[in-house]
Amino acid sequence: MSCDTSGLTFDISGSAALFSQLAGVLAAFAFGAIALVLPGEHRGADRRSDTPDSRRERADVHLLLALVATFVSLIIATMQFAALAGERGCALYQGRAAAEEFLGGVAFAFAVVMLMYAIVQLVALSRIAAIGVHARLIVVVLGPALATLFMLSGAEDVASAPWRQIEAGQLLVAQNTAFHRQISTVALLLPAGQLAVSLLAWSFRRRLGRWLPSSFWPLAPVLFPYLSLGLATAAIVRSMTLIASVPTTSLPPWEVLSWLAVCSLVLLCQVIVLAVGPPRRGRR
């Protein structure tokens, strides 16, 4: 079946090729950071500090875990966007390409947030440790909202498919369905809510630190990289289940909303933990 895509005002496959290149470049940076951390070059003057070796080693393990999870997630996102770049014809406006874009966006968003999380840790371990507070603030406040906005752009494309053709011409426009209106509302409220929660978490980070149990902190730096990598992998596996021979295959509304709910919750938990930070010795 031949489909005329000349009426499309945005080429999903074209942007996917650029995103694939960007994810590949970021993966190279993550690999470079891993190579920097392994010999301990990231510590600089901290080598002469009185920090116990066990604490330094534990911090390095957490940093390396975040960087490895970031590197693998970015490789996964690179392959997903590369596959999306090959979509042609009917799939570009009948649903399948939009679903692949949304799922690839989930993997890419979590990879970038985890990369920023690793950068904050790397800065905190450098010789200019005071800048770590500013790096944490930027990631805590902007990270979840920007990542969610990126995922919502793909969700809106899913809600718009299949695009319809205007009777008077060849221009293809989005469907005005209840799901599309719902996603448009979520696209306004969800990032704003995340921004508000992130600001509150940063403002009351000391109180939150008192509420969280001390047994949670050894687990958090290990749990969140695995959660991010798990969600990125699950998104790509779900993308592989889309039927390649059916251009109308897509994601049902409930699944898109479920992805957004789970991803938003995990992002908020990550930045709250990053805002609070591990308790200092002797702090109650």
Protein backbone atom coordinates (compact mmCIF):
# COMPACT_ATOMS: atom_id res chain seq x y z
CA MET A 1 0.00 0.00 0.00
CA SER A 2 1.33 3.43 -0.97
CA CYS A 3 0.91 6.35 1.43
CA ASP A 4 1.49 9.99 0.56
CA THR A 5 3.51 11.64 3.33
CA SER A 6 4.02 14.97 1.54
CA GLY A 7 1.31 16.53 3.74
CA LEU A 8 3.21 15.91 6.96
CA THR A 9 4.51 19.02 8.68
CA PHE A 10 6.98 17.08 10.86
CA ASP A 11 9.14 14.10 9.90
CA ILE A 12 9.51 11.75 12.88
CA SER A 13 12.05 9.55 11.12
CA GLY A 14 14.20 12.53 10.19
CA SER A 15 14.44 13.78 13.77
CA ALA A 16 15.09 10.21 14.98
CA ALA A 17 18.29 10.08 12.94
CA LEU A 18 19.55 13.20 14.71
CA PHE A 19 18.55 11.85 18.12
CA SER A 20 20.42 8.64 17.35
CA GLN A 21 23.58 10.64 16.65
CA LEU A 22 23.09 12.69 19.83
CA ALA A 23 22.60 9.57 21.97
CA GLY A 24 25.75 8.08 20.45
CA VAL A 25 27.77 11.19 21.28
CA LEU A 26 26.47 11.20 24.87
CA ALA A 27 27.33 7.50 25.17
CA ALA A 28 30.89 8.36 24.15
CA PHE A 29 31.02 11.01 26.89
CA ALA A 30 29.73 8.48 29.44
CA PHE A 31 32.41 6.01 28.36
CA GLY A 32 35.02 8.74 28.70
CA ALA A 33 33.83 9.47 32.23
CA ILE A 34 34.11 5.77 33.08
CA ALA A 35 37.70 5.80 31.82
CA LEU A 36 38.36 8.86 33.99
CA VAL A 37 36.91 7.35 37.17
CA LEU A 38 38.60 3.94 36.97
CA PRO A 39 42.17 5.22 37.59
CA GLY A 40 40.90 7.80 40.12
CA GLU A 41 41.76 10.87 38.03
CA HIS A 42 38.44 12.51 38.98
CA ARG A 43 39.45 13.06 42.62
CA GLY A 44 42.32 15.46 42.15
CA ALA A 45 43.28 16.94 45.49
CA ASP A 46 40.93 14.58 47.34
CA ARG A 47 43.62 11.91 47.17
CA ARG A 48 45.41 13.68 50.02
CA SER A 49 42.26 14.11 52.12
CA ASP A 50 41.49 12.31 55.33
CA THR A 51 38.44 10.60 53.83
CA PRO A 52 38.53 6.89 54.71
CA ASP A 53 39.44 4.59 51.83
CA SER A 54 36.23 2.57 52.31
CA ARG A 55 34.05 5.66 51.86
CA ARG A 56 35.98 6.76 48.77
CA GLU A 57 35.72 3.31 47.27
CA ARG A 58 31.97 3.15 47.98
CA ALA A 59 31.42 6.56 46.37
CA ASP A 60 33.41 5.48 43.31
CA VAL A 61 31.36 2.29 43.01
CA HIS A 62 28.11 4.28 43.05
CA LEU A 63 29.47 6.72 40.48
CA LEU A 64 30.67 3.93 38.17
CA LEU A 65 27.33 2.14 38.47
CA ALA A 66 25.48 5.30 37.41
CA LEU A 67 27.86 5.83 34.48
CA VAL A 68 27.62 2.22 33.28
CA ALA A 69 23.79 2.34 33.49
CA THR A 70 23.88 5.61 31.55
CA PHE A 71 26.19 4.17 28.89
CA VAL A 72 24.03 1.07 28.34
CA SER A 73 20.80 3.12 28.30
CA LEU A 74 22.24 5.50 25.71
CA ILE A 75 23.36 2.59 23.52
CA ILE A 76 19.82 1.19 23.73
CA ALA A 77 18.32 4.59 22.86
CA THR A 78 20.75 4.94 19.94
CA MET A 79 19.61 1.65 18.42
CA GLN A 80 15.95 2.51 18.99
CA PHE A 81 16.19 5.89 17.25
CA ALA A 82 18.25 4.35 14.45
CA ALA A 83 15.45 1.84 13.84
CA LEU A 84 12.87 4.64 13.94
CA ALA A 85 14.90 6.59 11.38
CA GLY A 86 14.18 3.80 8.90
CA GLU A 87 10.39 4.17 9.11
CA ARG A 88 8.76 5.24 5.85
CA GLY A 89 5.34 5.60 4.30
CA CYS A 90 2.15 4.83 6.20
CA ALA A 91 3.82 4.21 9.56
CA LEU A 92 4.84 7.88 9.80
CA TYR A 93 1.27 9.07 10.37
CA GLN A 94 -0.79 5.97 11.13
CA GLY A 95 0.66 5.20 14.57
CA ARG A 96 3.65 2.87 14.61
CA ALA A 97 6.37 5.52 14.24
CA ALA A 98 4.78 7.66 16.96
CA ALA A 99 4.71 4.70 19.35
CA GLU A 100 8.39 3.98 18.63
CA GLU A 101 9.19 7.66 19.16
CA PHE A 102 7.48 7.66 22.57
CA LEU A 103 9.18 4.48 23.78
CA GLY A 104 12.56 5.64 22.50
CA GLY A 105 11.97 8.92 24.31
CA VAL A 106 11.49 7.04 27.59
CA ALA A 107 14.88 5.34 27.21
CA PHE A 108 16.60 8.55 26.15
CA ALA A 109 15.06 10.67 28.93
CA PHE A 110 16.13 8.29 31.68
CA ALA A 111 19.60 7.96 30.19
CA VAL A 112 20.08 11.74 30.17
CA VAL A 113 18.72 12.15 33.72
CA MET A 114 21.04 9.38 34.93
CA LEU A 115 23.94 11.08 33.12
CA MET A 116 23.16 14.33 34.95
CA TYR A 117 22.94 12.38 38.21
CA ALA A 118 26.40 10.92 37.53
CA ILE A 119 27.77 14.37 36.67
CA VAL A 120 26.58 15.69 40.03
CA GLN A 121 28.40 12.85 41.78
CA LEU A 122 31.51 13.45 39.68
CA VAL A 123 31.54 17.16 40.50
CA ALA A 124 31.04 16.43 44.20
CA LEU A 125 34.13 14.20 44.19
CA SER A 126 36.32 16.69 42.36
CA ARG A 127 38.67 19.23 43.89
CA ILE A 128 35.98 21.94 43.48
CA ALA A 129 33.47 20.23 45.73
CA ALA A 130 31.60 23.47 46.57
CA ILE A 131 30.16 23.61 43.04
CA GLY A 132 28.34 20.34 43.75
CA VAL A 133 25.51 22.19 45.53
CA HIS A 134 24.78 24.27 42.42
CA ALA A 135 24.96 21.21 40.16
CA ARG A 136 22.52 19.37 42.43
CA LEU A 137 20.12 22.32 42.44
CA ILE A 138 20.05 22.53 38.64
CA VAL A 139 19.46 18.80 38.19
CA VAL A 140 16.88 18.58 41.00
CA VAL A 141 14.78 21.49 39.76
CA LEU A 142 14.98 21.05 35.99
CA GLY A 143 15.68 17.34 35.51
CA PRO A 144 12.22 15.75 36.04
CA ALA A 145 10.24 18.50 34.30
CA LEU A 146 12.43 18.55 31.18
CA ALA A 147 12.56 14.74 30.95
CA THR A 148 8.78 14.53 31.28
CA LEU A 149 8.25 17.23 28.65
CA PHE A 150 10.40 15.21 26.27
CA MET A 151 8.36 12.05 26.88
CA LEU A 152 5.09 13.99 26.56
CA SER A 153 6.05 15.20 23.08
CA GLY A 154 6.10 11.58 21.96
CA ALA A 155 2.88 10.84 23.86
CA GLU A 156 1.13 13.66 21.99
CA ASP A 157 2.24 12.17 18.68
CA VAL A 158 0.78 8.81 19.76
CA ALA A 159 -2.48 10.51 20.70
CA SER A 160 -2.56 12.34 17.35
CA ALA A 161 -2.29 9.19 15.21
CA PRO A 162 -3.65 8.31 12.79
CA TRP A 163 -3.38 11.77 11.29
CA ARG A 164 -6.29 12.84 9.08
CA GLN A 165 -6.21 14.67 5.79
CA ILE A 166 -7.94 18.01 5.35
CA GLU A 167 -10.60 17.77 2.66
CA ALA A 168 -9.56 20.96 0.89
CA GLY A 169 -5.92 19.99 0.52
CA GLN A 170 -3.17 17.48 1.21
CA LEU A 171 -2.20 18.75 4.67
CA LEU A 172 -2.33 16.09 7.41
CA VAL A 173 -3.51 17.23 10.85
CA ALA A 174 -3.79 15.60 14.27
CA GLN A 175 -6.90 13.80 15.44
CA ASN A 176 -9.05 15.78 17.89
CA THR A 177 -9.92 12.82 20.11
CA ALA A 178 -10.60 12.62 23.84
CA PHE A 179 -7.21 10.96 24.34
CA HIS A 180 -5.45 13.78 22.49
CA ARG A 181 -7.20 16.40 24.64
CA GLN A 182 -6.29 14.43 27.76
CA ILE A 183 -2.62 14.27 26.81
CA SER A 184 -2.63 18.00 26.01
CA THR A 185 -3.92 18.71 29.51
CA VAL A 186 -1.37 16.38 31.10
CA ALA A 187 1.38 18.09 29.09
CA LEU A 188 0.55 21.34 30.87
CA LEU A 189 -0.07 20.09 34.40
CA LEU A 190 2.44 17.26 34.90
CA PRO A 191 5.71 19.17 34.26
CA ALA A 192 4.42 22.11 36.32
CA GLY A 193 3.57 19.77 39.19
CA GLN A 194 6.97 18.12 39.00
CA LEU A 195 8.69 21.50 39.02
CA ALA A 196 6.73 22.48 42.14
CA VAL A 197 7.53 19.20 43.93
CA SER A 198 11.21 19.49 42.99
CA LEU A 199 11.38 23.02 44.40
CA LEU A 200 9.69 21.88 47.61
CA ALA A 201 12.05 18.91 47.90
CA TRP A 202 15.03 21.22 47.57
CA SER A 203 13.60 23.77 50.03
CA PHE A 204 12.83 21.15 52.69
CA ARG A 205 15.67 18.74 51.96
CA ARG A 206 16.95 18.80 55.54
CA ARG A 207 13.58 17.79 56.96
CA LEU A 208 13.22 15.07 54.35
CA GLY A 209 16.64 13.79 55.35
CA ARG A 210 15.42 13.32 58.90
CA TRP A 211 12.30 11.42 57.79
CA LEU A 212 14.09 8.95 55.53
CA PRO A 213 15.50 5.93 57.41
CA SER A 214 19.28 5.58 57.57
CA SER A 215 19.02 2.06 56.14
CA PHE A 216 17.69 3.55 52.88
CA TRP A 217 20.86 5.44 51.92
CA PRO A 218 23.15 2.49 51.17
CA LEU A 219 20.42 1.13 48.85
CA ALA A 220 19.41 4.31 46.98
CA PRO A 221 22.58 4.83 44.86
CA VAL A 222 22.32 1.21 43.69
CA LEU A 223 18.55 1.07 43.22
CA PHE A 224 18.02 4.06 40.96
CA PRO A 225 20.56 3.20 38.22
CA TYR A 226 18.98 -0.25 37.98
CA LEU A 227 15.48 1.27 37.89
CA SER A 228 16.46 3.66 35.11
CA LEU A 229 18.17 0.95 33.09
CA GLY A 230 15.21 -1.39 33.66
CA LEU A 231 12.69 1.17 32.40
CA ALA A 232 14.85 1.97 29.35
CA THR A 233 15.18 -1.72 28.53
CA ALA A 234 11.46 -2.38 29.07
CA ALA A 235 10.57 0.48 26.71
CA ILE A 236 12.75 -0.90 23.93
CA VAL A 237 11.47 -4.46 24.43
CA ARG A 238 7.92 -3.10 24.19
CA SER A 239 8.88 -1.30 20.99
CA MET A 240 10.10 -4.58 19.51
CA THR A 241 6.64 -6.09 20.04
CA LEU A 242 5.05 -3.59 17.66
CA ILE A 243 4.11 -5.39 14.47
CA ALA A 244 6.44 -4.19 11.72
CA SER A 245 4.03 -5.12 8.90
CA VAL A 246 1.10 -3.16 10.36
CA PRO A 247 1.63 0.62 10.20
CA THR A 248 -1.42 1.26 12.42
CA THR A 249 -0.06 -0.72 15.36
CA SER A 250 0.42 1.58 18.33
CA LEU A 251 0.04 1.92 22.10
CA PRO A 252 -3.40 2.04 23.76
CA PRO A 253 -4.22 5.16 25.81
CA TRP A 254 -4.06 3.35 29.14
CA GLU A 255 -0.54 2.10 28.41
CA VAL A 256 0.74 5.55 27.45
CA LEU A 257 -0.70 7.03 30.65
CA SER A 258 0.76 4.15 32.68
CA TRP A 259 4.22 4.75 31.22
CA LEU A 260 3.96 8.46 32.04
CA ALA A 261 2.77 7.80 35.60
CA VAL A 262 5.50 5.28 36.42
CA CYS A 263 8.27 7.32 34.79
CA SER A 264 7.19 10.54 36.50
CA LEU A 265 7.11 8.84 39.89
CA VAL A 266 10.58 7.32 39.46
CA LEU A 267 12.00 10.65 38.28
CA LEU A 268 10.59 12.47 41.31
CA CYS A 269 11.95 9.84 43.70
CA GLN A 270 15.37 10.14 42.09
CA VAL A 271 15.58 13.91 42.42
CA ILE A 272 14.20 13.90 45.97
CA VAL A 273 16.99 11.52 46.99
CA LEU A 274 19.51 13.65 45.09
CA ALA A 275 18.20 16.82 46.79
CA VAL A 276 18.42 15.34 50.28
CA GLY A 277 21.72 13.53 49.80
CA PRO A 278 23.14 10.96 52.21
CA PRO A 279 23.10 11.98 55.87
CA ARG A 280 26.30 13.40 57.25
CA ARG A 281 28.04 11.54 60.01
CA GLY A 282 26.63 12.63 63.32
CA ARG A 283 23.53 14.27 61.86
CA ARG A 284 20.20 13.24 63.42
